[in-house]
Amino acid sequence: MNGSTPMANGTASGTHSPSAPTSSTSAQEDVITPVTQMSTGEGAQVPSPGIQPNATDHFLSFIYHSFLTASFTDATLYLSSLPKPYHLHSLFASRSPLLLHLLSQQPAPPYHIHLPVADRNLTQETVGFALSTLYTPTAEARGIPDGLDPRGVLAAAALLGLPGLAAEAYKALTATVNAESLSELLRFALDGSQPAPGTPSSTSSGPSSGAETDVLAYAGPYPPYTTPLLPLLLETMTTLPTTTLQTLLPALPFAIVKKVLESPALSVGGEMARYNFAKDVVARRKPVVAQEGGAWEESVVLAFGGGSGGVEVVRRQKGRGKAFTRYGPR
């Protein structure tokens, strides 16, 4: 018997895990389908045990408890970014497409799986929670427990290839969107979208590179699960008071600043009020632009008449005359 404790299994006391499985018609059908005969895998047939619903409850609880106690495990999962390994049962671990593939590369137990990951959203608890769902009938959570960061659960689900769990995590994440969480969620949604400040691609690339407009099309750190997140956050930003946006906008990529300031949904009064507000935001962005290498100049244009009037936020590379760069359609 494996002497590992729940703590050794990355499930220390207080760690969240799905509710103990309960029986239902769909769960019974998913897990155990009574048949007249069962094959041993060697051609011999043995009678089916004819498991009843109450026995199914007990059986599912036993399986789940085996994960919590790490009893009789035959596989160990190591993530390079986490201090503790996870002791698993290969039969249930194989419900993850990633783990199934890696298990199949080894001839026989005991299995040792090493994953060289460096994702700061992954934690001991969120990976443990994701792994625990492999021991339940649907291999997904029925809601994310309070205290677990949905971003970490989403990261773990994406890593293990669990779309149902990823959908639950995304649902829990979007429920946290508000004025106070926007800044942090924008950092998450844009993670990996931008080169580090001061690199050539972030300071000297021309308009043809699409470096700025690509930000608006960025699918987030875990596509396709995070693809709708940035549009949702941008829509939320247009509902915020200008005092909040004055603090939030200056540090964001130019394409996002432009998108929000030019949005018809932004409640800022008339065009002159919008123009003055946009000028204020652009002025606040000067230290940020300087950190990018100082290769850009940003300005605000107020056009009148001709059916194309309105406020437009523009930028150009220094030394390129007065030809301002416009990103995307008006």
C-alpha atoms as a PDB file:
ATOM      1  CA  MET A   1       0.000   0.000   0.000  1.00  0.00           C
ATOM      2  CA  ASN A   2       1.304   3.424  -0.880  1.00  0.00           C
ATOM      3  CA  GLY A   3       2.007   5.280   2.320  1.00  0.00           C
ATOM      4  CA  SER A   4       1.424   8.695   0.792  1.00  0.00           C
ATOM      5  CA  THR A   5      -0.805  11.082   2.680  1.00  0.00           C
ATOM      6  CA  PRO A   6      -3.184  13.618   1.192  1.00  0.00           C
ATOM      7  CA  MET A   7      -0.508  16.282   1.759  1.00  0.00           C
ATOM      8  CA  ALA A   8       2.040  14.240  -0.201  1.00  0.00           C
ATOM      9  CA  ASN A   9      -0.559  14.000  -2.924  1.00  0.00           C
ATOM     10  CA  GLY A  10      -0.725  17.759  -3.200  1.00  0.00           C
ATOM     11  CA  THR A  11      -4.061  17.792  -1.333  1.00  0.00           C
ATOM     12  CA  ALA A  12      -3.105  19.177   2.046  1.00  0.00           C
ATOM     13  CA  SER A  13      -5.709  19.694   4.730  1.00  0.00           C
ATOM     14  CA  GLY A  14      -8.174  22.331   3.638  1.00  0.00           C
ATOM     15  CA  THR A  15      -7.560  21.763  -0.061  1.00  0.00           C
ATOM     16  CA  HIS A  16     -10.704  22.036  -2.140  1.00  0.00           C
ATOM     17  CA  SER A  17     -12.048  19.103  -4.071  1.00  0.00           C
ATOM     18  CA  PRO A  18     -15.322  18.237  -5.751  1.00  0.00           C
ATOM     19  CA  SER A  19     -18.221  17.076  -3.644  1.00  0.00           C
ATOM     20  CA  ALA A  20     -18.283  13.374  -3.047  1.00  0.00           C
ATOM     21  CA  PRO A  21     -20.008  11.666  -5.983  1.00  0.00           C
ATOM     22  CA  THR A  22     -23.679  10.856  -5.678  1.00  0.00           C
ATOM     23  CA  SER A  23     -25.689   8.470  -7.744  1.00  0.00           C
ATOM     24  CA  SER A  24     -28.076   9.488 -10.485  1.00  0.00           C
ATOM     25  CA  THR A  25     -29.416   7.797 -13.536  1.00  0.00           C
ATOM     26  CA  SER A  26     -26.880   9.526 -15.784  1.00  0.00           C
ATOM     27  CA  ALA A  27     -24.016   8.888 -13.362  1.00  0.00           C
ATOM     28  CA  GLN A  28     -24.855   5.188 -13.155  1.00  0.00           C
ATOM     29  CA  GLU A  29     -24.959   4.965 -16.910  1.00  0.00           C
ATOM     30  CA  ASP A  30     -21.660   6.772 -17.233  1.00  0.00           C
ATOM     31  CA  VAL A  31     -19.822   4.660 -14.668  1.00  0.00           C
ATOM     32  CA  ILE A  32     -21.432   1.224 -14.465  1.00  0.00           C
ATOM     33  CA  THR A  33     -23.732  -0.368 -16.989  1.00  0.00           C
ATOM     34  CA  PRO A  34     -24.999  -3.723 -15.655  1.00  0.00           C
ATOM     35  CA  VAL A  35     -24.663  -6.520 -18.170  1.00  0.00           C
ATOM     36  CA  THR A  36     -25.375 -10.205 -18.059  1.00  0.00           C
ATOM     37  CA  GLN A  37     -21.751 -11.188 -18.647  1.00  0.00           C
ATOM     38  CA  MET A  38     -18.437  -9.382 -18.253  1.00  0.00           C
ATOM     39  CA  SER A  39     -15.197 -10.244 -20.015  1.00  0.00           C
ATOM     40  CA  THR A  40     -11.972 -10.626 -18.052  1.00  0.00           C
ATOM     41  CA  GLY A  41     -10.069  -9.459 -21.120  1.00  0.00           C
ATOM     42  CA  GLU A  42      -8.817 -12.980 -21.831  1.00  0.00           C
ATOM     43  CA  GLY A  43     -11.921 -14.337 -23.462  1.00  0.00           C
ATOM     44  CA  ALA A  44     -13.474 -15.777 -20.293  1.00  0.00           C
ATOM     45  CA  GLN A  45     -16.900 -14.510 -19.250  1.00  0.00           C
ATOM     46  CA  VAL A  46     -17.932 -13.953 -15.648  1.00  0.00           C
ATOM     47  CA  PRO A  47     -21.329 -12.976 -14.275  1.00  0.00           C
ATOM     48  CA  SER A  48     -21.978  -9.243 -13.809  1.00  0.00           C
ATOM     49  CA  PRO A  49     -22.169  -8.176 -10.145  1.00  0.00           C
ATOM     50  CA  GLY A  50     -25.522  -6.465 -10.829  1.00  0.00           C
ATOM     51  CA  ILE A  51     -24.610  -3.346  -8.872  1.00  0.00           C
ATOM     52  CA  GLN A  52     -27.537  -1.506  -7.303  1.00  0.00           C
ATOM     53  CA  PRO A  53     -27.827   2.294  -6.874  1.00  0.00           C
ATOM     54  CA  ASN A  54     -26.860   2.312  -3.175  1.00  0.00           C
ATOM     55  CA  ALA A  55     -23.867   0.117  -3.954  1.00  0.00           C
ATOM     56  CA  THR A  56     -22.933   2.526  -6.729  1.00  0.00           C
ATOM     57  CA  ASP A  57     -22.862   5.368  -4.175  1.00  0.00           C
ATOM     58  CA  HIS A  58     -20.503   3.390  -2.003  1.00  0.00           C
ATOM     59  CA  PHE A  59     -18.322   2.407  -4.936  1.00  0.00           C
ATOM     60  CA  LEU A  60     -17.980   5.984  -6.225  1.00  0.00           C
ATOM     61  CA  SER A  61     -17.171   7.253  -2.740  1.00  0.00           C
ATOM     62  CA  PHE A  62     -14.530   4.553  -2.383  1.00  0.00           C
ATOM     63  CA  ILE A  63     -12.907   5.595  -5.670  1.00  0.00           C
ATOM     64  CA  TYR A  64     -12.868   9.239  -4.696  1.00  0.00           C
ATOM     65  CA  HIS A  65     -11.499   8.458  -1.249  1.00  0.00           C
ATOM     66  CA  SER A  66      -8.682   6.558  -2.939  1.00  0.00           C
ATOM     67  CA  PHE A  67      -7.569   9.814  -4.532  1.00  0.00           C
ATOM     68  CA  LEU A  68      -7.758  11.753  -1.271  1.00  0.00           C
ATOM     69  CA  THR A  69      -5.669   9.180   0.593  1.00  0.00           C
ATOM     70  CA  ALA A  70      -3.393   8.252  -2.352  1.00  0.00           C
ATOM     71  CA  SER A  71      -3.959   4.582  -1.571  1.00  0.00           C
ATOM     72  CA  PHE A  72      -2.480   1.917  -3.878  1.00  0.00           C
ATOM     73  CA  THR A  73      -1.293   4.452  -6.432  1.00  0.00           C
ATOM     74  CA  ASP A  74       0.803   3.432  -9.428  1.00  0.00           C
ATOM     75  CA  ALA A  75       1.615   6.794 -11.044  1.00  0.00           C
ATOM     76  CA  THR A  76       3.364   9.944  -9.852  1.00  0.00           C
ATOM     77  CA  LEU A  77       2.958  13.312 -11.543  1.00  0.00           C
ATOM     78  CA  TYR A  78       5.626  15.991 -11.152  1.00  0.00           C
ATOM     79  CA  LEU A  79       5.135  19.604 -12.272  1.00  0.00           C
ATOM     80  CA  SER A  80       8.393  21.514 -12.405  1.00  0.00           C
ATOM     81  CA  SER A  81       6.804  24.687 -11.025  1.00  0.00           C
ATOM     82  CA  LEU A  82       5.199  23.017  -7.991  1.00  0.00           C
ATOM     83  CA  PRO A  83       7.000  21.654  -4.916  1.00  0.00           C
ATOM     84  CA  LYS A  84       4.965  18.490  -4.325  1.00  0.00           C
ATOM     85  CA  PRO A  85       4.158  15.602  -6.666  1.00  0.00           C
ATOM     86  CA  TYR A  86       0.728  14.001  -7.080  1.00  0.00           C
ATOM     87  CA  HIS A  87       0.241  10.287  -6.492  1.00  0.00           C
ATOM     88  CA  LEU A  88      -2.397   8.966  -8.858  1.00  0.00           C
ATOM     89  CA  HIS A  89      -4.054   5.830 -10.179  1.00  0.00           C
ATOM     90  CA  SER A  90      -3.222   5.436 -13.855  1.00  0.00           C
ATOM     91  CA  LEU A  91      -6.679   4.054 -14.663  1.00  0.00           C
ATOM     92  CA  PHE A  92      -8.325   7.327 -13.612  1.00  0.00           C
ATOM     93  CA  ALA A  93      -5.458   9.624 -14.592  1.00  0.00           C
ATOM     94  CA  SER A  94      -5.844   8.339 -18.143  1.00  0.00           C
ATOM     95  CA  ARG A  95      -9.160  10.207 -18.406  1.00  0.00           C
ATOM     96  CA  SER A  96      -6.992  13.261 -19.090  1.00  0.00           C
ATOM     97  CA  PRO A  97      -5.919  13.189 -22.758  1.00  0.00           C
ATOM     98  CA  LEU A  98      -2.504  14.573 -21.815  1.00  0.00           C
ATOM     99  CA  LEU A  99      -1.890  12.042 -19.070  1.00  0.00           C
ATOM    100  CA  LEU A 100      -3.204   9.195 -21.231  1.00  0.00           C
ATOM    101  CA  HIS A 101      -0.655  10.070 -23.899  1.00  0.00           C
ATOM    102  CA  LEU A 102       2.213  10.299 -21.410  1.00  0.00           C
ATOM    103  CA  LEU A 103       1.225   7.094 -19.623  1.00  0.00           C
ATOM    104  CA  SER A 104       1.129   5.247 -22.915  1.00  0.00           C
ATOM    105  CA  GLN A 105       4.778   6.164 -23.504  1.00  0.00           C
ATOM    106  CA  GLN A 106       5.875   4.036 -20.543  1.00  0.00           C
ATOM    107  CA  PRO A 107       5.860   0.238 -20.640  1.00  0.00           C
ATOM    108  CA  ALA A 108       4.456  -0.593 -17.207  1.00  0.00           C
ATOM    109  CA  PRO A 109       3.829   0.819 -13.726  1.00  0.00           C
ATOM    110  CA  PRO A 110       5.048   2.445 -11.625  1.00  0.00           C
ATOM    111  CA  TYR A 111       4.651   5.443 -13.946  1.00  0.00           C
ATOM    112  CA  HIS A 112       6.581   8.688 -13.470  1.00  0.00           C
ATOM    113  CA  ILE A 113       5.367  11.727 -15.416  1.00  0.00           C
ATOM    114  CA  HIS A 114       7.404  14.939 -15.471  1.00  0.00           C
ATOM    115  CA  LEU A 115       5.785  18.076 -16.868  1.00  0.00           C
ATOM    116  CA  PRO A 116       8.134  21.049 -17.410  1.00  0.00           C
ATOM    117  CA  VAL A 117       5.587  23.832 -16.965  1.00  0.00           C
ATOM    118  CA  ALA A 118       6.213  27.410 -15.834  1.00  0.00           C
ATOM    119  CA  ASP A 119       2.671  28.751 -15.550  1.00  0.00           C
ATOM    120  CA  ARG A 120       2.277  31.131 -12.612  1.00  0.00           C
ATOM    121  CA  ASN A 121      -1.479  30.522 -12.575  1.00  0.00           C
ATOM    122  CA  LEU A 122      -0.998  26.880 -11.593  1.00  0.00           C
ATOM    123  CA  THR A 123      -0.954  26.166  -7.869  1.00  0.00           C
ATOM    124  CA  GLN A 124      -0.728  23.012  -5.790  1.00  0.00           C
ATOM    125  CA  GLU A 125      -4.404  23.374  -4.893  1.00  0.00           C
ATOM    126  CA  THR A 126      -5.842  24.126  -8.328  1.00  0.00           C
ATOM    127  CA  VAL A 127      -3.959  21.287 -10.036  1.00  0.00           C
ATOM    128  CA  GLY A 128      -4.982  18.950  -7.220  1.00  0.00           C
ATOM    129  CA  PHE A 129      -8.600  20.003  -7.642  1.00  0.00           C
ATOM    130  CA  ALA A 130      -8.466  19.403 -11.404  1.00  0.00           C
ATOM    131  CA  LEU A 131      -6.920  15.954 -10.877  1.00  0.00           C
ATOM    132  CA  SER A 132      -9.557  15.063  -8.299  1.00  0.00           C
ATOM    133  CA  THR A 133     -12.304  15.534 -10.896  1.00  0.00           C
ATOM    134  CA  LEU A 134     -10.843  12.587 -12.823  1.00  0.00           C
ATOM    135  CA  TYR A 135     -12.148  10.411  -9.982  1.00  0.00           C
ATOM    136  CA  THR A 136     -15.753  11.581 -10.351  1.00  0.00           C
ATOM    137  CA  PRO A 137     -18.322  10.392 -12.921  1.00  0.00           C
ATOM    138  CA  THR A 138     -18.231  13.396 -15.243  1.00  0.00           C
ATOM    139  CA  ALA A 139     -14.547  14.408 -14.921  1.00  0.00           C
ATOM    140  CA  GLU A 140     -15.585  17.998 -14.297  1.00  0.00           C
ATOM    141  CA  ALA A 141     -16.559  20.114 -11.337  1.00  0.00           C
ATOM    142  CA  ARG A 142     -20.054  21.070 -10.339  1.00  0.00           C
ATOM    143  CA  GLY A 143     -18.983  24.637  -9.642  1.00  0.00           C
ATOM    144  CA  ILE A 144     -15.635  25.938  -8.409  1.00  0.00           C
ATOM    145  CA  PRO A 145     -15.362  25.971  -4.586  1.00  0.00           C
ATOM    146  CA  ASP A 146     -14.984  29.272  -2.790  1.00  0.00           C
ATOM    147  CA  GLY A 147     -11.341  30.028  -2.092  1.00  0.00           C
ATOM    148  CA  LEU A 148     -10.000  28.502  -5.296  1.00  0.00           C
ATOM    149  CA  ASP A 149      -8.820  30.966  -7.930  1.00  0.00           C
ATOM    150  CA  PRO A 150     -10.773  30.255 -11.138  1.00  0.00           C
ATOM    151  CA  ARG A 151      -7.733  31.321 -13.161  1.00  0.00           C
ATOM    152  CA  GLY A 152      -5.696  28.525 -11.627  1.00  0.00           C
ATOM    153  CA  VAL A 153      -8.446  25.976 -12.196  1.00  0.00           C
ATOM    154  CA  LEU A 154      -8.757  27.148 -15.807  1.00  0.00           C
ATOM    155  CA  ALA A 155      -5.001  26.800 -16.260  1.00  0.00           C
ATOM    156  CA  ALA A 156      -5.040  23.280 -14.832  1.00  0.00           C
ATOM    157  CA  ALA A 157      -8.039  22.240 -16.937  1.00  0.00           C
ATOM    158  CA  ALA A 158      -6.392  23.562 -20.092  1.00  0.00           C
ATOM    159  CA  LEU A 159      -3.175  21.722 -19.258  1.00  0.00           C
ATOM    160  CA  LEU A 160      -4.918  18.408 -18.614  1.00  0.00           C
ATOM    161  CA  GLY A 161      -7.333  18.734 -21.539  1.00  0.00           C
ATOM    162  CA  LEU A 162     -10.572  18.885 -19.525  1.00  0.00           C
ATOM    163  CA  PRO A 163     -13.010  21.135 -21.455  1.00  0.00           C
ATOM    164  CA  GLY A 164     -15.915  20.643 -19.062  1.00  0.00           C
ATOM    165  CA  LEU A 165     -13.880  21.792 -16.095  1.00  0.00           C
ATOM    166  CA  ALA A 166     -12.433  24.664 -18.145  1.00  0.00           C
ATOM    167  CA  ALA A 167     -15.947  25.860 -18.965  1.00  0.00           C
ATOM    168  CA  GLU A 168     -16.896  25.812 -15.277  1.00  0.00           C
ATOM    169  CA  ALA A 169     -13.749  27.736 -14.376  1.00  0.00           C
ATOM    170  CA  TYR A 170     -14.388  30.352 -17.066  1.00  0.00           C
ATOM    171  CA  LYS A 171     -17.951  30.768 -15.820  1.00  0.00           C
ATOM    172  CA  ALA A 172     -16.661  31.333 -12.281  1.00  0.00           C
ATOM    173  CA  LEU A 173     -14.045  33.775 -13.587  1.00  0.00           C
ATOM    174  CA  THR A 174     -16.532  35.952 -15.466  1.00  0.00           C
ATOM    175  CA  ALA A 175     -18.699  36.126 -12.354  1.00  0.00           C
ATOM    176  CA  THR A 176     -15.882  38.084 -10.691  1.00  0.00           C
ATOM    177  CA  VAL A 177     -15.785  40.867 -13.315  1.00  0.00           C
ATOM    178  CA  ASN A 178     -16.353  44.278 -11.771  1.00  0.00           C
ATOM    179  CA  ALA A 179     -14.655  47.668 -11.534  1.00  0.00           C
ATOM    180  CA  GLU A 180     -12.357  46.503  -8.737  1.00  0.00           C
ATOM    181  CA  SER A 181     -11.192  43.312 -10.495  1.00  0.00           C
ATOM    182  CA  LEU A 182     -10.803  44.738 -14.018  1.00  0.00           C
ATOM    183  CA  SER A 183      -7.149  45.688 -13.746  1.00  0.00           C
ATOM    184  CA  GLU A 184      -6.107  42.240 -12.533  1.00  0.00           C
ATOM    185  CA  LEU A 185      -8.336  40.430 -15.024  1.00  0.00           C
ATOM    186  CA  LEU A 186      -6.962  42.520 -17.892  1.00  0.00           C
ATOM    187  CA  ARG A 187      -3.447  41.446 -16.926  1.00  0.00           C
ATOM    188  CA  PHE A 188      -4.630  37.844 -17.006  1.00  0.00           C
ATOM    189  CA  ALA A 189      -6.465  38.222 -20.320  1.00  0.00           C
ATOM    190  CA  LEU A 190      -3.443  39.869 -21.954  1.00  0.00           C
ATOM    191  CA  ASP A 191      -0.854  37.514 -20.475  1.00  0.00           C
ATOM    192  CA  GLY A 192       1.524  36.560 -23.277  1.00  0.00           C
ATOM    193  CA  SER A 193       0.079  39.022 -25.796  1.00  0.00           C
ATOM    194  CA  GLN A 194       2.800  41.656 -25.585  1.00  0.00           C
ATOM    195  CA  PRO A 195       6.596  41.511 -25.846  1.00  0.00           C
ATOM    196  CA  ALA A 196       8.534  42.827 -22.888  1.00  0.00           C
ATOM    197  CA  PRO A 197       8.883  46.620 -22.765  1.00  0.00           C
ATOM    198  CA  GLY A 198      11.999  47.857 -24.492  1.00  0.00           C
ATOM    199  CA  THR A 199      12.283  45.001 -26.987  1.00  0.00           C
ATOM    200  CA  PRO A 200      12.542  45.917 -30.676  1.00  0.00           C
ATOM    201  CA  SER A 201       9.186  44.419 -31.543  1.00  0.00           C
ATOM    202  CA  SER A 202       7.416  46.603 -28.995  1.00  0.00           C
ATOM    203  CA  THR A 203       9.177  49.846 -29.850  1.00  0.00           C
ATOM    204  CA  SER A 204      10.152  49.935 -33.492  1.00  0.00           C
ATOM    205  CA  SER A 205       7.743  47.740 -35.409  1.00  0.00           C
ATOM    206  CA  GLY A 206       5.798  49.636 -38.076  1.00  0.00           C
ATOM    207  CA  PRO A 207       2.051  49.701 -38.585  1.00  0.00           C
ATOM    208  CA  SER A 208       2.257  46.911 -41.125  1.00  0.00           C
ATOM    209  CA  SER A 209       3.336  44.472 -38.419  1.00  0.00           C
ATOM    210  CA  GLY A 210      -0.119  44.577 -36.862  1.00  0.00           C
ATOM    211  CA  ALA A 211       1.490  44.477 -33.407  1.00  0.00           C
ATOM    212  CA  GLU A 212      -1.180  46.747 -31.900  1.00  0.00           C
ATOM    213  CA  THR A 213      -4.276  45.455 -33.644  1.00  0.00           C
ATOM    214  CA  ASP A 214      -3.255  41.889 -32.800  1.00  0.00           C
ATOM    215  CA  VAL A 215      -3.849  42.731 -29.146  1.00  0.00           C
ATOM    216  CA  LEU A 216      -7.583  43.113 -29.789  1.00  0.00           C
ATOM    217  CA  ALA A 217      -7.690  39.719 -31.492  1.00  0.00           C
ATOM    218  CA  TYR A 218      -5.668  37.978 -28.782  1.00  0.00           C
ATOM    219  CA  ALA A 219      -7.450  34.842 -27.571  1.00  0.00           C
ATOM    220  CA  GLY A 220      -6.049  34.955 -24.054  1.00  0.00           C
ATOM    221  CA  PRO A 221      -3.614  32.622 -22.308  1.00  0.00           C
ATOM    222  CA  TYR A 222      -5.753  29.477 -22.683  1.00  0.00           C
ATOM    223  CA  PRO A 223      -7.582  29.468 -26.005  1.00  0.00           C
ATOM    224  CA  PRO A 224     -10.237  28.618 -26.893  1.00  0.00           C
ATOM    225  CA  TYR A 225     -11.515  28.871 -23.316  1.00  0.00           C
ATOM    226  CA  THR A 226     -10.336  32.478 -22.799  1.00  0.00           C
ATOM    227  CA  THR A 227     -11.189  33.767 -26.296  1.00  0.00           C
ATOM    228  CA  PRO A 228     -14.334  35.702 -25.175  1.00  0.00           C
ATOM    229  CA  LEU A 229     -12.664  37.223 -22.104  1.00  0.00           C
ATOM    230  CA  LEU A 230     -10.995  40.335 -23.536  1.00  0.00           C
ATOM    231  CA  PRO A 231     -14.110  41.491 -25.472  1.00  0.00           C
ATOM    232  CA  LEU A 232     -16.118  41.072 -22.266  1.00  0.00           C
ATOM    233  CA  LEU A 233     -13.642  43.167 -20.291  1.00  0.00           C
ATOM    234  CA  LEU A 234     -13.570  45.891 -22.951  1.00  0.00           C
ATOM    235  CA  GLU A 235     -17.358  46.043 -22.941  1.00  0.00           C
ATOM    236  CA  THR A 236     -17.319  46.371 -19.159  1.00  0.00           C
ATOM    237  CA  MET A 237     -14.778  49.192 -19.335  1.00  0.00           C
ATOM    238  CA  THR A 238     -17.109  51.341 -21.423  1.00  0.00           C
ATOM    239  CA  THR A 239     -19.603  51.301 -18.535  1.00  0.00           C
ATOM    240  CA  LEU A 240     -17.127  52.655 -15.968  1.00  0.00           C
ATOM    241  CA  PRO A 241     -17.004  56.282 -14.803  1.00  0.00           C
ATOM    242  CA  THR A 242     -14.269  58.397 -16.335  1.00  0.00           C
ATOM    243  CA  THR A 243     -12.555  58.790 -12.967  1.00  0.00           C
ATOM    244  CA  THR A 244     -11.961  55.035 -12.886  1.00  0.00           C
ATOM    245  CA  LEU A 245     -10.814  54.933 -16.509  1.00  0.00           C
ATOM    246  CA  GLN A 246      -8.303  57.729 -15.873  1.00  0.00           C
ATOM    247  CA  THR A 247      -6.480  55.320 -13.568  1.00  0.00           C
ATOM    248  CA  LEU A 248      -7.048  52.131 -15.542  1.00  0.00           C
ATOM    249  CA  LEU A 249      -6.406  53.143 -19.160  1.00  0.00           C
ATOM    250  CA  PRO A 250      -2.918  54.717 -19.149  1.00  0.00           C
ATOM    251  CA  ALA A 251      -1.033  51.461 -18.507  1.00  0.00           C
ATOM    252  CA  LEU A 252      -2.904  49.421 -21.139  1.00  0.00           C
ATOM    253  CA  PRO A 253      -1.789  48.721 -24.730  1.00  0.00           C
ATOM    254  CA  PHE A 254      -2.535  51.549 -27.155  1.00  0.00           C
ATOM    255  CA  ALA A 255      -5.034  49.520 -29.206  1.00  0.00           C
ATOM    256  CA  ILE A 256      -7.180  48.983 -26.101  1.00  0.00           C
ATOM    257  CA  VAL A 257      -6.959  52.644 -25.086  1.00  0.00           C
ATOM    258  CA  LYS A 258      -8.039  53.676 -28.568  1.00  0.00           C
ATOM    259  CA  LYS A 259     -10.869  51.126 -28.646  1.00  0.00           C
ATOM    260  CA  VAL A 260     -12.356  52.298 -25.351  1.00  0.00           C
ATOM    261  CA  LEU A 261     -11.934  56.037 -25.916  1.00  0.00           C
ATOM    262  CA  GLU A 262     -13.562  55.876 -29.355  1.00  0.00           C
ATOM    263  CA  SER A 263     -16.339  53.485 -28.361  1.00  0.00           C
ATOM    264  CA  PRO A 264     -19.875  54.859 -28.899  1.00  0.00           C
ATOM    265  CA  ALA A 265     -20.880  53.033 -25.724  1.00  0.00           C
ATOM    266  CA  LEU A 266     -18.568  55.147 -23.562  1.00  0.00           C
ATOM    267  CA  SER A 267     -20.621  57.507 -21.393  1.00  0.00           C
ATOM    268  CA  VAL A 268     -18.637  60.695 -21.448  1.00  0.00           C
ATOM    269  CA  GLY A 269     -21.019  63.378 -22.717  1.00  0.00           C
ATOM    270  CA  GLY A 270     -20.614  65.123 -26.062  1.00  0.00           C
ATOM    271  CA  GLU A 271     -17.730  64.927 -28.497  1.00  0.00           C
ATOM    272  CA  MET A 272     -15.908  67.855 -26.919  1.00  0.00           C
ATOM    273  CA  ALA A 273     -16.097  66.174 -23.520  1.00  0.00           C
ATOM    274  CA  ARG A 274     -14.806  62.964 -25.104  1.00  0.00           C
ATOM    275  CA  TYR A 275     -11.994  64.916 -26.777  1.00  0.00           C
ATOM    276  CA  ASN A 276     -10.885  66.503 -23.516  1.00  0.00           C
ATOM    277  CA  PHE A 277     -11.104  63.206 -21.664  1.00  0.00           C
ATOM    278  CA  ALA A 278      -9.068  61.422 -24.359  1.00  0.00           C
ATOM    279  CA  LYS A 279      -6.412  64.167 -24.233  1.00  0.00           C
ATOM    280  CA  ASP A 280      -6.166  63.705 -20.467  1.00  0.00           C
ATOM    281  CA  VAL A 281      -5.685  59.926 -20.825  1.00  0.00           C
ATOM    282  CA  VAL A 282      -3.062  60.359 -23.554  1.00  0.00           C
ATOM    283  CA  ALA A 283      -1.182  62.823 -21.345  1.00  0.00           C
ATOM    284  CA  ARG A 284      -1.218  60.312 -18.490  1.00  0.00           C
ATOM    285  CA  ARG A 285       0.229  57.700 -20.876  1.00  0.00           C
ATOM    286  CA  LYS A 286       3.454  59.629 -21.558  1.00  0.00           C
ATOM    287  CA  PRO A 287       5.487  57.790 -18.869  1.00  0.00           C
ATOM    288  CA  VAL A 288       4.241  54.455 -20.236  1.00  0.00           C
ATOM    289  CA  VAL A 289       5.150  55.405 -23.808  1.00  0.00           C
ATOM    290  CA  ALA A 290       8.593  56.462 -22.590  1.00  0.00           C
ATOM    291  CA  GLN A 291       9.095  53.035 -20.978  1.00  0.00           C
ATOM    292  CA  GLU A 292       8.342  51.447 -24.344  1.00  0.00           C
ATOM    293  CA  GLY A 293      11.435  53.126 -25.735  1.00  0.00           C
ATOM    294  CA  GLY A 294      10.074  56.556 -26.620  1.00  0.00           C
ATOM    295  CA  ALA A 295       9.677  55.697 -30.301  1.00  0.00           C
ATOM    296  CA  TRP A 296       6.017  56.731 -30.447  1.00  0.00           C
ATOM    297  CA  GLU A 297       3.977  59.890 -30.160  1.00  0.00           C
ATOM    298  CA  GLU A 298       0.276  59.796 -29.373  1.00  0.00           C
ATOM    299  CA  SER A 299      -2.335  62.465 -29.981  1.00  0.00           C
ATOM    300  CA  VAL A 300      -6.068  63.064 -30.143  1.00  0.00           C
ATOM    301  CA  VAL A 301      -7.842  64.384 -33.233  1.00  0.00           C
ATOM    302  CA  LEU A 302     -11.284  65.999 -33.262  1.00  0.00           C
ATOM    303  CA  ALA A 303     -12.803  65.961 -36.742  1.00  0.00           C
ATOM    304  CA  PHE A 304     -15.950  67.789 -37.816  1.00  0.00           C
ATOM    305  CA  GLY A 305     -18.438  67.261 -40.659  1.00  0.00           C
ATOM    306  CA  GLY A 306     -18.252  65.038 -43.710  1.00  0.00           C
ATOM    307  CA  GLY A 307     -20.061  62.189 -42.000  1.00  0.00           C
ATOM    308  CA  SER A 308     -16.833  60.997 -40.399  1.00  0.00           C
ATOM    309  CA  GLY A 309     -16.509  63.472 -37.549  1.00  0.00           C
ATOM    310  CA  GLY A 310     -15.647  62.550 -33.996  1.00  0.00           C
ATOM    311  CA  VAL A 311     -12.718  61.878 -31.688  1.00  0.00           C
ATOM    312  CA  GLU A 312      -9.877  59.714 -32.882  1.00  0.00           C
ATOM    313  CA  VAL A 313      -6.851  58.614 -30.868  1.00  0.00           C
ATOM    314  CA  VAL A 314      -3.789  58.217 -33.080  1.00  0.00           C
ATOM    315  CA  ARG A 315      -0.085  57.482 -32.774  1.00  0.00           C
ATOM    316  CA  ARG A 316       2.935  57.802 -34.999  1.00  0.00           C
ATOM    317  CA  GLN A 317       6.582  56.962 -34.845  1.00  0.00           C
ATOM    318  CA  LYS A 318       8.804  59.905 -34.024  1.00  0.00           C
ATOM    319  CA  GLY A 319      10.548  61.413 -37.014  1.00  0.00           C
ATOM    320  CA  ARG A 320       7.835  60.313 -39.441  1.00  0.00           C
ATOM    321  CA  GLY A 321       6.359  63.767 -40.018  1.00  0.00           C
ATOM    322  CA  LYS A 322       2.658  64.246 -39.334  1.00  0.00           C
ATOM    323  CA  ALA A 323       1.445  60.961 -40.793  1.00  0.00           C
ATOM    324  CA  PHE A 324      -0.354  59.417 -37.833  1.00  0.00           C
ATOM    325  CA  THR A 325      -1.056  55.709 -37.685  1.00  0.00           C
ATOM    326  CA  ARG A 326      -4.677  54.613 -37.434  1.00  0.00           C
ATOM    327  CA  TYR A 327      -5.283  51.067 -36.180  1.00  0.00           C
ATOM    328  CA  GLY A 328      -8.382  49.289 -37.357  1.00  0.00           C
ATOM    329  CA  PRO A 329     -11.669  50.715 -38.626  1.00  0.00           C
ATOM    330  CA  ARG A 330     -13.314  53.709 -37.058  1.00  0.00           C
END
